[in-house]
C-alpha atoms as a PDB file:
ATOM      1  CA  MET A   1     138.145  58.144 144.058  1.00  0.00           C
ATOM      2  CA  PRO A   2     140.493  59.996 146.450  1.00  0.00           C
ATOM      3  CA  ASN A   3     141.400  58.056 149.582  1.00  0.00           C
ATOM      4  CA  ILE A   4     141.575  59.420 153.133  1.00  0.00           C
ATOM      5  CA  LYS A   5     145.325  60.067 152.874  1.00  0.00           C
ATOM      6  CA  GLN A   6     144.809  62.236 149.787  1.00  0.00           C
ATOM      7  CA  HIS A   7     142.051  64.201 151.551  1.00  0.00           C
ATOM      8  CA  VAL A   8     144.294  64.771 154.576  1.00  0.00           C
ATOM      9  CA  ASP A   9     147.169  65.839 152.328  1.00  0.00           C
ATOM     10  CA  THR A  10     144.949  68.315 150.458  1.00  0.00           C
ATOM     11  CA  PHE A  11     143.583  69.711 153.730  1.00  0.00           C
ATOM     12  CA  ALA A  12     147.074  70.093 155.211  1.00  0.00           C
ATOM     13  CA  LYS A  13     148.459  71.903 152.163  1.00  0.00           C
ATOM     14  CA  LYS A  14     145.573  74.358 152.304  1.00  0.00           C
ATOM     15  CA  PHE A  15     145.095  74.995 156.018  1.00  0.00           C
ATOM     16  CA  VAL A  16     148.184  73.856 157.979  1.00  0.00           C
ATOM     17  CA  PRO A  17     150.966  76.477 157.718  1.00  0.00           C
ATOM     18  CA  SER A  18     153.853  74.038 158.238  1.00  0.00           C
ATOM     19  CA  TYR A  19     152.623  71.982 155.266  1.00  0.00           C
ATOM     20  CA  ARG A  20     151.443  74.832 153.076  1.00  0.00           C
ATOM     21  CA  PHE A  21     154.421  77.213 153.393  1.00  0.00           C
ATOM     22  CA  LEU A  22     157.858  75.751 152.690  1.00  0.00           C
ATOM     23  CA  SER A  23     161.171  77.600 152.796  1.00  0.00           C
ATOM     24  CA  SER A  24     162.379  78.024 149.223  1.00  0.00           C
ATOM     25  CA  GLN A  25     165.526  76.268 148.066  1.00  0.00           C
ATOM     26  CA  GLU A  26     165.848  78.581 145.063  1.00  0.00           C
ATOM     27  CA  SER A  27     168.491  81.328 145.188  1.00  0.00           C
ATOM     28  CA  THR A  28     167.191  83.587 142.432  1.00  0.00           C
ATOM     29  CA  ILE A  29     165.031  83.187 139.358  1.00  0.00           C
ATOM     30  CA  ASP A  30     166.214  85.558 136.644  1.00  0.00           C
ATOM     31  CA  SER A  31     165.468  86.921 133.212  1.00  0.00           C
ATOM     32  CA  SER A  32     167.841  89.034 131.153  1.00  0.00           C
ATOM     33  CA  TYR A  33     166.943  91.594 128.496  1.00  0.00           C
ATOM     34  CA  LEU A  34     169.867  93.430 126.912  1.00  0.00           C
ATOM     35  CA  LEU A  35     168.693  97.037 127.091  1.00  0.00           C
ATOM     36  CA  GLN A  36     171.720  99.049 128.233  1.00  0.00           C
ATOM     37  CA  ARG A  37     175.187  98.239 129.538  1.00  0.00           C
ATOM     38  CA  GLU A  38     175.367 100.979 132.180  1.00  0.00           C
ATOM     39  CA  LEU A  39     173.051 103.048 134.318  1.00  0.00           C
ATOM     40  CA  ASN A  40     173.033 106.708 133.352  1.00  0.00           C
ATOM     41  CA  SER A  41     174.960 108.403 136.169  1.00  0.00           C
ATOM     42  CA  ASN A  42     173.018 111.624 135.616  1.00  0.00           C
ATOM     43  CA  SER A  43     169.601 110.097 136.283  1.00  0.00           C
ATOM     44  CA  ILE A  44     168.892 106.952 138.302  1.00  0.00           C
ATOM     45  CA  LYS A  45     165.152 106.687 138.923  1.00  0.00           C
ATOM     46  CA  VAL A  46     163.963 104.301 141.623  1.00  0.00           C
ATOM     47  CA  LEU A  47     160.589 102.737 142.441  1.00  0.00           C
ATOM     48  CA  ASN A  48     160.105 100.984 145.798  1.00  0.00           C
ATOM     49  CA  TRP A  49     156.830  99.211 146.625  1.00  0.00           C
ATOM     50  CA  ASN A  50     155.496  96.446 148.855  1.00  0.00           C
ATOM     51  CA  ILE A  51     152.802  95.065 146.570  1.00  0.00           C
ATOM     52  CA  ALA A  52     151.174  92.664 149.092  1.00  0.00           C
ATOM     53  CA  LYS A  53     151.297  89.711 146.662  1.00  0.00           C
ATOM     54  CA  ASN A  54     148.870  91.424 144.277  1.00  0.00           C
ATOM     55  CA  ASN A  55     150.883  91.143 141.074  1.00  0.00           C
ATOM     56  CA  TYR A  56     148.395  88.696 139.507  1.00  0.00           C
ATOM     57  CA  ASN A  57     145.586  91.150 140.139  1.00  0.00           C
ATOM     58  CA  GLN A  58     144.592  93.051 136.983  1.00  0.00           C
ATOM     59  CA  ILE A  59     144.054  96.308 138.874  1.00  0.00           C
ATOM     60  CA  TRP A  60     147.572  96.071 140.278  1.00  0.00           C
ATOM     61  CA  LEU A  61     149.019  95.274 136.859  1.00  0.00           C
ATOM     62  CA  LYS A  62     147.308  98.309 135.343  1.00  0.00           C
ATOM     63  CA  ASP A  63     148.641 100.515 138.164  1.00  0.00           C
ATOM     64  CA  PHE A  64     152.147  99.129 137.793  1.00  0.00           C
ATOM     65  CA  LEU A  65     152.314  99.563 134.021  1.00  0.00           C
ATOM     66  CA  THR A  66     150.986 103.122 134.356  1.00  0.00           C
ATOM     67  CA  ILE A  67     153.715 103.949 136.900  1.00  0.00           C
ATOM     68  CA  VAL A  68     156.445 102.436 134.727  1.00  0.00           C
ATOM     69  CA  GLU A  69     155.232 104.274 131.626  1.00  0.00           C
ATOM     70  CA  GLU A  70     154.864 107.639 133.364  1.00  0.00           C
ATOM     71  CA  TYR A  71     157.955 107.651 135.582  1.00  0.00           C
ATOM     72  CA  GLN A  72     160.252 105.240 133.685  1.00  0.00           C
ATOM     73  CA  PRO A  73     162.241 103.925 136.665  1.00  0.00           C
ATOM     74  CA  HIS A  74     165.654 102.401 136.042  1.00  0.00           C
ATOM     75  CA  LEU A  75     165.583 100.342 139.246  1.00  0.00           C
ATOM     76  CA  ILE A  76     162.449  98.701 140.645  1.00  0.00           C
ATOM     77  CA  PHE A  77     162.334  97.165 144.123  1.00  0.00           C
ATOM     78  CA  LEU A  78     159.186  95.178 144.936  1.00  0.00           C
ATOM     79  CA  GLN A  79     158.492  93.294 148.154  1.00  0.00           C
ATOM     80  CA  GLU A  80     155.883  90.546 148.679  1.00  0.00           C
ATOM     81  CA  PHE A  81     156.014  89.554 145.024  1.00  0.00           C
ATOM     82  CA  ARG A  82     154.456  86.275 143.836  1.00  0.00           C
ATOM     83  CA  LEU A  83     155.776  84.044 141.077  1.00  0.00           C
ATOM     84  CA  LYS A  84     153.813  80.999 139.973  1.00  0.00           C
ATOM     85  CA  LEU A  85     155.640  77.711 139.497  1.00  0.00           C
ATOM     86  CA  GLY A  86     156.770  77.183 135.933  1.00  0.00           C
ATOM     87  CA  ARG A  87     157.455  80.943 135.774  1.00  0.00           C
ATOM     88  CA  ASP A  88     155.265  83.069 133.569  1.00  0.00           C
ATOM     89  CA  LYS A  89     155.531  85.836 131.004  1.00  0.00           C
ATOM     90  CA  LEU A  90     156.989  88.525 133.257  1.00  0.00           C
ATOM     91  CA  GLY A  91     159.337  89.757 130.576  1.00  0.00           C
ATOM     92  CA  GLU A  92     156.482  90.511 128.246  1.00  0.00           C
ATOM     93  CA  TRP A  93     154.899  93.030 130.606  1.00  0.00           C
ATOM     94  CA  ILE A  94     157.952  94.549 132.213  1.00  0.00           C
ATOM     95  CA  GLY A  95     160.546  94.509 129.409  1.00  0.00           C
ATOM     96  CA  MET A  96     163.442  94.801 131.882  1.00  0.00           C
ATOM     97  CA  ASN A  97     166.123  92.614 133.417  1.00  0.00           C
ATOM     98  CA  TRP A  98     164.838  91.112 136.640  1.00  0.00           C
ATOM     99  CA  SER A  99     165.825  88.861 139.525  1.00  0.00           C
ATOM    100  CA  PHE A 100     163.353  87.276 141.906  1.00  0.00           C
ATOM    101  CA  ALA A 101     164.549  85.967 145.280  1.00  0.00           C
ATOM    102  CA  PRO A 102     161.911  83.714 146.894  1.00  0.00           C
ATOM    103  CA  ASN A 103     161.715  83.169 150.626  1.00  0.00           C
ATOM    104  CA  PHE A 104     158.950  80.558 150.578  1.00  0.00           C
ATOM    105  CA  LEU A 105     156.804  78.333 148.409  1.00  0.00           C
ATOM    106  CA  ASP A 106     153.029  78.344 148.900  1.00  0.00           C
ATOM    107  CA  VAL A 107     152.189  74.719 148.094  1.00  0.00           C
ATOM    108  CA  HIS A 108     148.436  75.362 147.947  1.00  0.00           C
ATOM    109  CA  HIS A 109     148.686  78.147 145.372  1.00  0.00           C
ATOM    110  CA  GLN A 110     151.771  76.657 143.695  1.00  0.00           C
ATOM    111  CA  SER A 111     153.600  79.965 143.821  1.00  0.00           C
ATOM    112  CA  TYR A 112     156.702  81.485 145.335  1.00  0.00           C
ATOM    113  CA  SER A 113     156.705  84.658 147.400  1.00  0.00           C
ATOM    114  CA  GLY A 114     159.699  86.932 147.784  1.00  0.00           C
ATOM    115  CA  ILE A 115     161.353  90.101 146.568  1.00  0.00           C
ATOM    116  CA  PHE A 116     161.748  91.284 143.000  1.00  0.00           C
ATOM    117  CA  THR A 117     164.375  93.634 141.599  1.00  0.00           C
ATOM    118  CA  ALA A 118     164.197  94.883 138.008  1.00  0.00           C
ATOM    119  CA  SER A 119     166.605  97.132 136.137  1.00  0.00           C
ATOM    120  CA  THR A 120     167.321  98.550 132.713  1.00  0.00           C
ATOM    121  CA  ILE A 121     170.713  96.788 132.751  1.00  0.00           C
ATOM    122  CA  SER A 122     171.904  93.376 133.878  1.00  0.00           C
ATOM    123  CA  PRO A 123     173.512  93.342 137.331  1.00  0.00           C
ATOM    124  CA  LEU A 124     177.236  92.676 137.521  1.00  0.00           C
ATOM    125  CA  THR A 125     176.744  90.620 140.673  1.00  0.00           C
ATOM    126  CA  LYS A 126     173.892  89.536 142.903  1.00  0.00           C
ATOM    127  CA  LYS A 127     173.673  88.036 146.364  1.00  0.00           C
ATOM    128  CA  VAL A 128     170.778  86.734 148.449  1.00  0.00           C
ATOM    129  CA  LEU A 129     170.679  87.076 152.239  1.00  0.00           C
ATOM    130  CA  ARG A 130     168.159  84.981 154.174  1.00  0.00           C
ATOM    131  CA  THR A 131     167.466  85.498 157.849  1.00  0.00           C
ATOM    132  CA  ARG A 132     168.661  82.801 160.226  1.00  0.00           C
ATOM    133  CA  HIS A 133     165.392  83.070 162.118  1.00  0.00           C
ATOM    134  CA  HIS A 134     161.895  82.454 160.805  1.00  0.00           C
ATOM    135  CA  GLU A 135     158.672  84.360 161.301  1.00  0.00           C
ATOM    136  CA  PRO A 136     156.086  82.587 163.471  1.00  0.00           C
ATOM    137  CA  ILE A 137     153.116  80.567 162.191  1.00  0.00           C
ATOM    138  CA  ILE A 138     154.300  80.131 158.592  1.00  0.00           C
ATOM    139  CA  LYS A 139     157.893  79.446 159.791  1.00  0.00           C
ATOM    140  CA  THR A 140     159.650  81.079 156.845  1.00  0.00           C
ATOM    141  CA  PRO A 141     162.648  83.448 156.662  1.00  0.00           C
ATOM    142  CA  LYS A 142     162.799  86.981 155.364  1.00  0.00           C
ATOM    143  CA  ILE A 143     165.048  87.820 152.455  1.00  0.00           C
ATOM    144  CA  SER A 144     167.202  90.568 150.924  1.00  0.00           C
ATOM    145  CA  LEU A 145     168.610  90.811 147.405  1.00  0.00           C
ATOM    146  CA  ILE A 146     171.829  92.729 146.760  1.00  0.00           C
ATOM    147  CA  THR A 147     172.598  93.689 143.152  1.00  0.00           C
ATOM    148  CA  GLU A 148     175.516  95.650 141.688  1.00  0.00           C
ATOM    149  CA  TYR A 149     175.433  97.830 138.563  1.00  0.00           C
ATOM    150  CA  ALA A 150     177.859  99.604 136.245  1.00  0.00           C
ATOM    151  CA  LEU A 151     177.606 103.406 136.062  1.00  0.00           C
ATOM    152  CA  SER A 152     178.208 105.399 132.891  1.00  0.00           C
ATOM    153  CA  ASN A 153     181.558 107.231 132.696  1.00  0.00           C
ATOM    154  CA  HIS A 154     182.745 105.877 136.047  1.00  0.00           C
ATOM    155  CA  GLN A 155     184.892 103.017 137.284  1.00  0.00           C
ATOM    156  CA  THR A 156     182.900 102.689 140.494  1.00  0.00           C
ATOM    157  CA  THR A 157     179.731 100.623 140.742  1.00  0.00           C
ATOM    158  CA  LEU A 158     176.354 101.154 142.378  1.00  0.00           C
ATOM    159  CA  LEU A 159     175.218  98.660 145.002  1.00  0.00           C
ATOM    160  CA  ALA A 160     171.445  98.284 145.419  1.00  0.00           C
ATOM    161  CA  ILE A 161     169.698  96.412 148.211  1.00  0.00           C
ATOM    162  CA  ASN A 162     166.059  95.349 148.129  1.00  0.00           C
ATOM    163  CA  SER A 163     165.091  94.177 151.596  1.00  0.00           C
ATOM    164  CA  HIS A 164     162.124  93.041 153.654  1.00  0.00           C
ATOM    165  CA  LEU A 165     162.809  93.042 157.390  1.00  0.00           C
ATOM    166  CA  ILE A 166     161.634  90.250 159.663  1.00  0.00           C
ATOM    167  CA  ASN A 167     158.414  90.755 161.632  1.00  0.00           C
ATOM    168  CA  PHE A 168     156.587  89.290 164.667  1.00  0.00           C
ATOM    169  CA  VAL A 169     159.850  88.216 166.343  1.00  0.00           C
ATOM    170  CA  ASP A 170     161.974  89.333 169.283  1.00  0.00           C
ATOM    171  CA  LEU A 171     163.849  92.576 168.806  1.00  0.00           C
ATOM    172  CA  ASN A 172     167.232  90.827 168.837  1.00  0.00           C
ATOM    173  CA  LYS A 173     166.234  88.796 165.744  1.00  0.00           C
ATOM    174  CA  PHE A 174     165.282  91.985 163.913  1.00  0.00           C
ATOM    175  CA  GLU A 175     168.612  93.498 164.972  1.00  0.00           C
ATOM    176  CA  LEU A 176     170.518  90.421 163.796  1.00  0.00           C
ATOM    177  CA  GLN A 177     169.076  90.700 160.286  1.00  0.00           C
ATOM    178  CA  LEU A 178     170.126  94.344 160.107  1.00  0.00           C
ATOM    179  CA  HIS A 179     173.574  93.473 161.461  1.00  0.00           C
ATOM    180  CA  GLU A 180     174.057  90.867 158.709  1.00  0.00           C
ATOM    181  CA  LEU A 181     172.963  93.413 156.114  1.00  0.00           C
ATOM    182  CA  GLU A 182     175.348  95.976 157.587  1.00  0.00           C
ATOM    183  CA  LEU A 183     178.265  93.550 157.295  1.00  0.00           C
ATOM    184  CA  ALA A 184     177.424  92.825 153.660  1.00  0.00           C
ATOM    185  CA  LEU A 185     177.027  96.491 152.723  1.00  0.00           C
ATOM    186  CA  SER A 186     180.085  97.773 154.576  1.00  0.00           C
ATOM    187  CA  ALA A 187     182.350  95.949 152.111  1.00  0.00           C
ATOM    188  CA  HIS A 188     181.186  98.307 149.333  1.00  0.00           C
ATOM    189  CA  HIS A 189     182.719 101.777 149.466  1.00  0.00           C
ATOM    190  CA  GLY A 190     180.949 103.348 146.494  1.00  0.00           C
ATOM    191  CA  PRO A 191     177.407 104.664 145.938  1.00  0.00           C
ATOM    192  CA  LEU A 192     174.629 102.653 147.495  1.00  0.00           C
ATOM    193  CA  ILE A 193     170.811 102.463 147.575  1.00  0.00           C
ATOM    194  CA  PHE A 194     169.125 100.589 150.438  1.00  0.00           C
ATOM    195  CA  SER A 195     165.399 100.226 149.818  1.00  0.00           C
ATOM    196  CA  GLY A 196     162.494  98.153 151.054  1.00  0.00           C
ATOM    197  CA  ASP A 197     159.905  97.476 153.729  1.00  0.00           C
ATOM    198  CA  PHE A 198     161.738  97.799 157.050  1.00  0.00           C
ATOM    199  CA  ASN A 199     158.819  96.923 159.334  1.00  0.00           C
ATOM    200  CA  THR A 200     159.758  99.715 161.743  1.00  0.00           C
ATOM    201  CA  TRP A 201     156.360  99.722 163.422  1.00  0.00           C
ATOM    202  CA  ASN A 202     157.650 100.635 166.882  1.00  0.00           C
ATOM    203  CA  ARG A 203     160.225 103.050 168.254  1.00  0.00           C
ATOM    204  CA  LYS A 204     162.801 100.421 169.235  1.00  0.00           C
ATOM    205  CA  ARG A 205     162.894  99.000 165.719  1.00  0.00           C
ATOM    206  CA  ALA A 206     163.183 102.495 164.231  1.00  0.00           C
ATOM    207  CA  VAL A 207     166.092 103.342 166.563  1.00  0.00           C
ATOM    208  CA  ILE A 208     168.003 100.190 165.580  1.00  0.00           C
ATOM    209  CA  LEU A 209     167.495 100.949 161.886  1.00  0.00           C
ATOM    210  CA  ASP A 210     168.645 104.556 162.372  1.00  0.00           C
ATOM    211  CA  GLN A 211     171.811 103.356 164.118  1.00  0.00           C
ATOM    212  CA  VAL A 212     172.668 100.970 161.287  1.00  0.00           C
ATOM    213  CA  VAL A 213     172.081 103.451 158.462  1.00  0.00           C
ATOM    214  CA  THR A 214     174.072 106.099 160.353  1.00  0.00           C
ATOM    215  CA  ARG A 215     177.066 103.760 160.681  1.00  0.00           C
ATOM    216  CA  LEU A 216     176.816 103.011 156.947  1.00  0.00           C
ATOM    217  CA  GLY A 217     176.699 106.730 156.103  1.00  0.00           C
ATOM    218  CA  LEU A 218     173.251 106.440 154.532  1.00  0.00           C
ATOM    219  CA  ILE A 219     170.752 109.275 154.129  1.00  0.00           C
ATOM    220  CA  PRO A 220     166.959 108.831 153.900  1.00  0.00           C
ATOM    221  CA  VAL A 221     165.212 110.148 150.803  1.00  0.00           C
ATOM    222  CA  THR A 222     163.606 113.496 151.598  1.00  0.00           C
ATOM    223  CA  PHE A 223     159.847 113.430 151.107  1.00  0.00           C
ATOM    224  CA  ALA A 224     157.922 116.659 151.626  1.00  0.00           C
ATOM    225  CA  PRO A 225     155.742 116.509 154.777  1.00  0.00           C
ATOM    226  CA  HIS A 226     152.527 116.141 152.780  1.00  0.00           C
ATOM    227  CA  GLU A 227     154.129 113.263 150.852  1.00  0.00           C
ATOM    228  CA  SER A 228     155.683 111.582 153.891  1.00  0.00           C
ATOM    229  CA  ARG A 229     152.314 111.350 155.627  1.00  0.00           C
ATOM    230  CA  LYS A 230     151.093 109.043 152.846  1.00  0.00           C
ATOM    231  CA  ILE A 231     153.731 106.361 153.520  1.00  0.00           C
ATOM    232  CA  LYS A 232     152.516 103.174 155.209  1.00  0.00           C
ATOM    233  CA  ARG A 233     152.715 103.315 159.008  1.00  0.00           C
ATOM    234  CA  PHE A 234     151.392 101.391 161.975  1.00  0.00           C
ATOM    235  CA  LEU A 235     149.376 103.891 163.996  1.00  0.00           C
ATOM    236  CA  LEU A 236     151.887 106.677 164.852  1.00  0.00           C
ATOM    237  CA  SER A 237     155.022 104.716 163.964  1.00  0.00           C
ATOM    238  CA  SER A 238     157.877 105.661 161.667  1.00  0.00           C
ATOM    239  CA  PRO A 239     157.328 104.880 157.973  1.00  0.00           C
ATOM    240  CA  LEU A 240     157.601 101.177 157.194  1.00  0.00           C
ATOM    241  CA  ASP A 241     158.807 101.733 153.622  1.00  0.00           C
ATOM    242  CA  ARG A 242     162.046 103.640 153.133  1.00  0.00           C
ATOM    243  CA  ILE A 243     164.721 104.480 150.570  1.00  0.00           C
ATOM    244  CA  PHE A 244     168.226 105.281 151.840  1.00  0.00           C
ATOM    245  CA  TYR A 245     171.246 106.291 149.790  1.00  0.00           C
ATOM    246  CA  ARG A 246     174.938 107.139 150.007  1.00  0.00           C
ATOM    247  CA  LYS A 247     177.430 108.993 147.767  1.00  0.00           C
ATOM    248  CA  LEU A 248     174.628 110.058 145.434  1.00  0.00           C
ATOM    249  CA  SER A 249     172.877 113.366 144.854  1.00  0.00           C
ATOM    250  CA  GLU A 250     169.126 113.301 145.358  1.00  0.00           C
ATOM    251  CA  ASN A 251     166.759 115.177 143.074  1.00  0.00           C
ATOM    252  CA  LYS A 252     164.405 116.216 145.867  1.00  0.00           C
ATOM    253  CA  ALA A 253     161.707 117.393 143.457  1.00  0.00           C
ATOM    254  CA  SER A 254     161.345 113.816 142.172  1.00  0.00           C
ATOM    255  CA  ALA A 255     160.607 112.230 145.567  1.00  0.00           C
ATOM    256  CA  LYS A 256     156.955 111.173 145.462  1.00  0.00           C
ATOM    257  CA  VAL A 257     154.494 108.913 147.244  1.00  0.00           C
ATOM    258  CA  LEU A 258     151.764 107.792 144.848  1.00  0.00           C
ATOM    259  CA  ASP A 259     148.776 108.092 147.158  1.00  0.00           C
ATOM    260  CA  GLN A 260     146.241 107.552 144.363  1.00  0.00           C
ATOM    261  CA  ILE A 261     147.428 103.944 143.938  1.00  0.00           C
ATOM    262  CA  CYS A 262     145.219 101.581 145.964  1.00  0.00           C
ATOM    263  CA  SER A 263     146.073  98.117 144.586  1.00  0.00           C
ATOM    264  CA  SER A 264     148.255  97.466 147.653  1.00  0.00           C
ATOM    265  CA  ASP A 265     147.986  98.609 151.260  1.00  0.00           C
ATOM    266  CA  HIS A 266     151.444 100.164 150.780  1.00  0.00           C
ATOM    267  CA  LYS A 267     151.998 103.185 148.525  1.00  0.00           C
ATOM    268  CA  PRO A 268     154.685 103.255 145.807  1.00  0.00           C
ATOM    269  CA  LEU A 269     157.721 105.438 146.585  1.00  0.00           C
ATOM    270  CA  LEU A 270     159.670 107.222 143.848  1.00  0.00           C
ATOM    271  CA  ALA A 271     163.099 108.845 143.999  1.00  0.00           C
ATOM    272  CA  GLU A 272     165.781 110.019 141.580  1.00  0.00           C
ATOM    273  CA  PHE A 273     169.555 110.209 142.033  1.00  0.00           C
ATOM    274  CA  SER A 274     172.690 111.183 140.171  1.00  0.00           C
ATOM    275  CA  TYR A 275     176.318 110.261 140.750  1.00  0.00           C
ATOM    276  CA  MET A 276     179.460 112.349 140.377  1.00  0.00           C
ATOM    277  CA  ASP A 277     182.969 111.533 141.598  1.00  0.00           C
ATOM    278  CA  THR A 278     183.860 113.569 144.667  1.00  0.00           C
END
């Protein structure tokens, strides 16, 4: 029969944030499927989506597989992704190379939460950036995953960043995370994709983000006005979810927001790029 200590421990792991949510000590959890050796420079299709930890929901899974089958993205950037302890059969339903960077462990549900990057090729390099500061209540950091890929017929490489910006903190902590990302990205002089949930829910946050992407020479993906209106916002704020790029050509006709998808409170964003030496 469980004793009082066991009852207290169970209660704490379920209801007390400091016991339930623990900062993850894992760097990345990975799976490799040898599909291609290089990304096709003529067509690099991207999917960006904050999935609100719904990837074990069957409705979400059906939506995701439909998107992958119809649009066939080469790079997938998911935020708020869950991964149960002991892993699971991700490879069977995605059939791509993937890296998962957890920012915390939910002890009650025995699952990690973090960001997930998948690709049709294995990355040449990968790097995880965790924020120095933690979000309140659950006391966990935010995380970014930087991956680098070979491009067909070119010596240069593509750098891709999947990021989730810190929330519910002072503006200077938000700015510090972006500054650390800027330092990491400025070392790469080739093509670059910077994608994620930037939590730009007020004007000051949006201005700081705009300053950073301008210094990095990044351009936002162009969504038609009727598409842009579908992107997740907080009241009248700037879009929270964004895709930026540099030294790539954008196929503007391919930029889409999948408004019919309702398995997350964020809508999936699609974009397509090509690369040519200039």
